[in-house]
Amino acid sequence: MRILITNDDGVDAPGIAIMADIARALSGDVWIVAPDSNQSGAGHRFTLGRELHFDKLDERTFAVVGGSPADCVVAGMTHLLGDKPADVVLSGVNAGQNLGDIINASGTAAGAREGALQGAIGIAMSQGINYEHGREVNWSNSVRHGAAVARSIIASAQGRDHYYNVNFPFCDPDATKGIAVVPHQRFSRSPFRYYPSDNAGKFFIAIPETPLPLDRQADFEVMRRDGFVTVTPMRLQQTDMDVVERLKGTLKLEAR
């Protein structure tokens, strides 16, 4: 089994070293292709019309200078790995949870999504942080359980029309209750907001608060409150077929 690793925190981030350990517990054929710098929030952006280049760090580790996670997966799958693209693309481990609608902006999720679009099993992994107590990352849960979670998903995956979004809780690994397969939280509105800076005339785009209410059966609460590793299968085919059927014959051009 050939595994390609990417992330959005950058090739030197601590989470990618944890992901490498996870991958090497599964296979001896592990490659890393990751951005040279932090690309958090990049989503599925491609760098089109601007040249990129590799920085080769060792025989199987490459940084893509100025590239996004999606760029890295494409470059790895269609060039660096030659005529044997990866069977599995692991993206992460991200510093901080990627839950709910936030996955639409997540570079970590995009790495796994592009992996699946390229024909691999795509798995995004994120380590939750208890932001009520600061921003320090306790990686122990992803270190302890990451390989088992990846192995379980790979063994159960069928077809290539999905990718998987995984979040590890911030509780003690011994207190982790298991794996919960859950839907992602649909927020009442986008969590991203304008956030003023202390510098006059400047501002941030940030997540100052979590939109409420929250679904107790969805990923956000099941990870945060219940202490499960959450796994959310995400479809690549995004068309809502129920709406397709409902709209057939109802949309019309104006008569001249």
Protein backbone atom coordinates (compact mmCIF):
# COMPACT_ATOMS: atom_id res chain seq x y z
CA MET A 1 0.00 0.00 0.00
CA ARG A 2 1.45 3.34 -1.06
CA ILE A 3 0.54 6.32 1.13
CA LEU A 4 0.86 10.03 0.31
CA ILE A 5 0.77 12.53 3.18
CA THR A 6 -0.04 16.22 2.96
CA ASN A 7 -1.34 18.91 5.33
CA ASP A 8 -2.23 22.59 5.49
CA ASP A 9 -0.11 23.61 8.50
CA GLY A 10 3.13 23.28 6.52
CA VAL A 11 5.74 20.59 6.02
CA ASP A 12 7.49 21.42 9.32
CA ALA A 13 4.34 21.32 11.47
CA PRO A 14 4.31 18.84 14.38
CA GLY A 15 1.08 17.23 13.19
CA ILE A 16 2.59 16.01 9.93
CA ALA A 17 5.31 14.17 11.86
CA ILE A 18 2.54 12.41 13.81
CA MET A 19 0.80 11.58 10.54
CA ALA A 20 4.05 10.11 9.21
CA ASP A 21 4.20 7.80 12.24
CA ILE A 22 0.57 6.81 11.63
CA ALA A 23 1.30 6.05 7.98
CA ARG A 24 4.45 4.06 8.73
CA ALA A 25 2.45 1.86 11.10
CA LEU A 26 0.40 0.90 8.04
CA SER A 27 2.97 0.76 5.25
CA GLY A 28 6.65 0.96 4.40
CA ASP A 29 5.90 3.02 1.26
CA VAL A 30 5.18 6.50 2.61
CA TRP A 31 5.68 9.83 0.81
CA ILE A 32 5.20 13.39 2.07
CA VAL A 33 4.29 16.29 -0.22
CA ALA A 34 3.18 19.33 1.76
CA PRO A 35 3.12 23.13 1.55
CA ASP A 36 6.30 24.91 2.57
CA SER A 37 4.27 27.28 4.78
CA ASN A 38 0.96 27.49 6.60
CA GLN A 39 -2.06 27.21 4.28
CA SER A 40 -4.83 26.99 6.87
CA GLY A 41 -8.18 28.03 5.43
CA ALA A 42 -6.98 27.59 1.86
CA GLY A 43 -9.79 25.17 1.09
CA HIS A 44 -9.50 23.49 -2.30
CA ARG A 45 -7.59 26.37 -3.88
CA PHE A 46 -5.31 25.58 -6.80
CA THR A 47 -2.40 27.80 -7.73
CA LEU A 48 -3.21 28.39 -11.39
CA GLY A 49 -1.12 30.57 -13.70
CA ARG A 50 1.80 30.89 -11.27
CA GLU A 51 4.85 28.63 -11.26
CA LEU A 52 5.53 26.38 -8.29
CA HIS A 53 8.58 24.31 -7.44
CA PHE A 54 9.62 21.49 -5.15
CA ASP A 55 12.04 21.77 -2.25
CA LYS A 56 13.33 18.20 -1.79
CA LEU A 57 13.94 17.56 1.91
CA ASP A 58 14.80 13.88 1.64
CA GLU A 59 14.18 11.01 -0.77
CA ARG A 60 10.45 10.84 -0.01
CA THR A 61 9.70 14.28 1.49
CA PHE A 62 8.98 17.33 -0.63
CA ALA A 63 7.74 20.83 0.11
CA VAL A 64 5.81 22.65 -2.59
CA VAL A 65 6.96 26.26 -2.31
CA GLY A 66 3.94 28.56 -2.33
CA GLY A 67 1.57 25.66 -2.95
CA SER A 68 -1.75 24.68 -1.38
CA PRO A 69 -2.66 21.21 -0.05
CA ALA A 70 -4.60 20.51 -3.25
CA ASP A 71 -1.55 21.54 -5.33
CA CYS A 72 0.58 19.14 -3.28
CA VAL A 73 -1.71 16.17 -3.82
CA VAL A 74 -1.92 16.78 -7.57
CA ALA A 75 1.85 17.18 -7.88
CA GLY A 76 2.47 14.07 -5.82
CA MET A 77 -0.13 11.84 -7.44
CA THR A 78 0.46 12.85 -11.06
CA HIS A 79 4.22 13.49 -11.06
CA LEU A 80 6.37 12.52 -8.10
CA LEU A 81 4.90 9.05 -7.63
CA GLY A 82 5.25 8.32 -11.32
CA ASP A 83 3.18 5.46 -12.68
CA LYS A 84 2.23 4.22 -9.20
CA PRO A 85 0.01 6.84 -7.52
CA ALA A 86 -0.85 6.46 -3.86
CA ASP A 87 -3.59 4.09 -2.71
CA VAL A 88 -4.27 6.27 0.33
CA VAL A 89 -3.90 10.04 0.87
CA LEU A 90 -3.67 11.11 4.52
CA SER A 91 -4.07 14.83 5.22
CA GLY A 92 -3.07 16.30 8.60
CA VAL A 93 -2.85 15.82 11.47
CA ASN A 94 -4.26 19.34 11.74
CA ALA A 95 -3.71 21.44 14.85
CA GLY A 96 -7.33 22.04 15.82
CA GLN A 97 -10.64 20.48 14.91
CA ASN A 98 -12.20 20.67 11.44
CA LEU A 99 -15.87 20.20 12.25
CA GLY A 100 -19.19 21.22 10.81
CA ASP A 101 -19.32 23.67 7.91
CA ILE A 102 -15.71 24.64 8.63
CA ILE A 103 -14.66 21.69 6.46
CA ASN A 104 -15.70 23.71 3.40
CA ALA A 105 -12.77 26.08 4.06
CA SER A 106 -10.34 23.49 5.43
CA GLY A 107 -7.13 22.86 3.55
CA THR A 108 -6.81 19.64 5.54
CA ALA A 109 -10.15 18.38 4.23
CA ALA A 110 -9.23 19.54 0.72
CA GLY A 111 -6.08 17.41 0.76
CA ALA A 112 -8.15 14.29 1.43
CA ARG A 113 -10.83 15.36 -1.04
CA GLU A 114 -8.32 15.84 -3.85
CA GLY A 115 -6.78 12.49 -2.94
CA ALA A 116 -10.17 10.86 -3.44
CA LEU A 117 -10.72 12.76 -6.68
CA GLN A 118 -7.37 11.38 -7.84
CA GLY A 119 -8.56 7.82 -7.12
CA ALA A 120 -7.16 7.17 -3.62
CA ILE A 121 -8.83 6.64 -0.27
CA GLY A 122 -8.71 10.16 1.16
CA ILE A 123 -8.65 10.65 4.94
CA ALA A 124 -8.36 14.02 6.70
CA MET A 125 -7.34 13.97 10.36
CA SER A 126 -7.51 16.78 12.92
CA GLN A 127 -6.63 16.93 16.60
CA GLY A 128 -9.24 18.80 18.62
CA ILE A 129 -8.29 21.63 20.96
CA ASN A 130 -10.24 22.72 24.04
CA TYR A 131 -10.26 26.42 23.19
CA GLU A 132 -11.90 27.24 26.53
CA HIS A 133 -8.49 26.51 28.07
CA GLY A 134 -6.24 28.13 25.45
CA ARG A 135 -4.76 27.10 22.12
CA GLU A 136 -2.24 24.48 23.24
CA VAL A 137 -2.48 21.22 21.29
CA ASN A 138 -2.43 17.93 23.17
CA TRP A 139 -1.58 15.41 20.45
CA SER A 140 -1.92 12.32 22.64
CA ASN A 141 -5.24 11.16 21.23
CA SER A 142 -4.15 11.24 17.59
CA VAL A 143 -0.82 9.62 18.54
CA ARG A 144 -2.55 6.80 20.42
CA HIS A 145 -5.49 6.13 18.10
CA GLY A 146 -4.53 7.49 14.69
CA ALA A 147 -3.22 4.28 13.11
CA ALA A 148 -6.20 2.22 14.32
CA VAL A 149 -8.66 4.77 12.95
CA ALA A 150 -6.92 4.92 9.57
CA ARG A 151 -6.67 1.13 9.39
CA SER A 152 -10.39 0.75 10.17
CA ILE A 153 -11.42 3.26 7.51
CA ILE A 154 -9.17 1.72 4.86
CA ALA A 155 -10.53 -1.75 5.61
CA SER A 156 -14.14 -0.53 5.36
CA ALA A 157 -13.86 1.85 2.39
CA GLN A 158 -15.84 0.88 -0.69
CA GLY A 159 -15.45 2.67 -4.02
CA ARG A 160 -13.85 6.06 -4.47
CA ASP A 161 -16.83 8.41 -4.30
CA HIS A 162 -16.12 9.48 -0.72
CA TYR A 163 -13.44 10.95 1.49
CA TYR A 164 -13.38 10.83 5.27
CA ASN A 165 -13.11 13.62 7.83
CA VAL A 166 -11.72 12.48 11.20
CA ASN A 167 -11.50 14.51 14.43
CA PHE A 168 -9.78 13.32 17.60
CA PRO A 169 -11.21 14.59 20.91
CA PHE A 170 -9.12 16.56 23.37
CA CYS A 171 -9.88 14.22 26.28
CA ASP A 172 -7.31 11.79 27.66
CA PRO A 173 -6.74 8.88 25.24
CA ASP A 174 -7.82 6.37 27.88
CA ALA A 175 -11.13 8.24 28.20
CA THR A 176 -11.87 8.14 24.48
CA LYS A 177 -15.10 6.21 24.03
CA GLY A 178 -14.51 4.83 20.54
CA ILE A 179 -15.25 5.81 16.95
CA ALA A 180 -18.56 7.47 16.08
CA VAL A 181 -19.61 7.71 12.43
CA VAL A 182 -21.64 10.91 12.33
CA PRO A 183 -22.86 13.65 9.98
CA HIS A 184 -21.14 17.00 10.00
CA GLN A 185 -22.78 19.91 11.79
CA ARG A 186 -24.74 22.29 9.57
CA PHE A 187 -24.57 25.65 11.26
CA SER A 188 -27.44 28.14 11.19
CA ARG A 189 -25.10 30.51 9.36
CA SER A 190 -21.47 30.58 8.32
CA PRO A 191 -19.17 30.64 11.37
CA PHE A 192 -16.77 33.02 9.60
CA ARG A 193 -17.15 36.71 10.49
CA TYR A 194 -15.50 40.10 10.22
CA TYR A 195 -13.37 40.62 13.33
CA PRO A 196 -11.86 44.04 14.10
CA SER A 197 -8.15 44.42 14.72
CA ASP A 198 -6.54 46.57 17.39
CA ASN A 199 -4.79 48.33 14.51
CA ALA A 200 -6.90 51.17 13.12
CA GLY A 201 -8.51 50.39 9.78
CA LYS A 202 -7.49 46.71 9.86
CA PHE A 203 -9.58 43.59 10.40
CA PHE A 204 -9.47 39.79 10.38
CA ILE A 205 -11.73 37.09 8.98
CA ALA A 206 -12.15 34.77 11.96
CA ILE A 207 -14.48 32.44 13.87
CA PRO A 208 -15.29 34.48 16.99
CA GLU A 209 -18.07 32.17 18.16
CA THR A 210 -19.82 28.94 17.25
CA PRO A 211 -23.25 29.48 15.65
CA LEU A 212 -26.05 27.90 17.65
CA PRO A 213 -28.02 25.66 18.01
CA LEU A 214 -25.88 22.54 17.72
CA ASP A 215 -27.08 19.06 16.81
CA ARG A 216 -26.19 16.61 19.59
CA GLN A 217 -25.90 13.82 17.01
CA ALA A 218 -23.45 15.66 14.70
CA ASP A 219 -19.65 15.77 14.74
CA PHE A 220 -19.18 18.98 16.72
CA GLU A 221 -20.96 17.85 19.88
CA VAL A 222 -20.13 14.13 19.64
CA MET A 223 -16.40 14.92 19.60
CA ARG A 224 -16.48 17.83 22.06
CA ARG A 225 -18.98 16.63 24.65
CA ASP A 226 -19.03 12.85 24.26
CA GLY A 227 -15.33 12.12 23.76
CA PHE A 228 -15.56 10.08 20.56
CA VAL A 229 -13.26 10.07 17.58
CA THR A 230 -15.65 11.29 14.90
CA VAL A 231 -15.57 9.99 11.34
CA THR A 232 -17.69 11.71 8.71
CA PRO A 233 -17.90 10.22 5.20
CA MET A 234 -18.18 13.04 2.66
CA ARG A 235 -19.50 12.52 -0.86
CA LEU A 236 -17.66 13.79 -3.91
CA GLN A 237 -20.91 13.83 -5.90
CA GLN A 238 -22.51 16.94 -4.40
CA THR A 239 -25.64 17.07 -6.54
CA ASP A 240 -28.85 16.90 -4.48
CA MET A 241 -30.77 14.36 -6.54
CA ASP A 242 -34.02 14.97 -4.62
CA VAL A 243 -33.93 18.61 -5.69
CA VAL A 244 -33.04 17.57 -9.24
CA GLU A 245 -36.21 15.50 -9.37
CA ARG A 246 -38.31 18.22 -7.72
CA LEU A 247 -37.14 20.91 -10.15
CA LYS A 248 -37.50 18.87 -13.33
CA GLY A 249 -40.07 20.57 -15.54
CA THR A 250 -40.53 23.53 -13.17
CA LEU A 251 -37.76 25.87 -14.31
CA LYS A 252 -38.68 27.72 -17.49
CA LEU A 253 -37.43 30.54 -19.66
CA GLU A 254 -39.73 33.53 -20.08
CA ALA A 255 -41.84 33.44 -23.23
CA ARG A 256 -40.85 36.05 -25.82
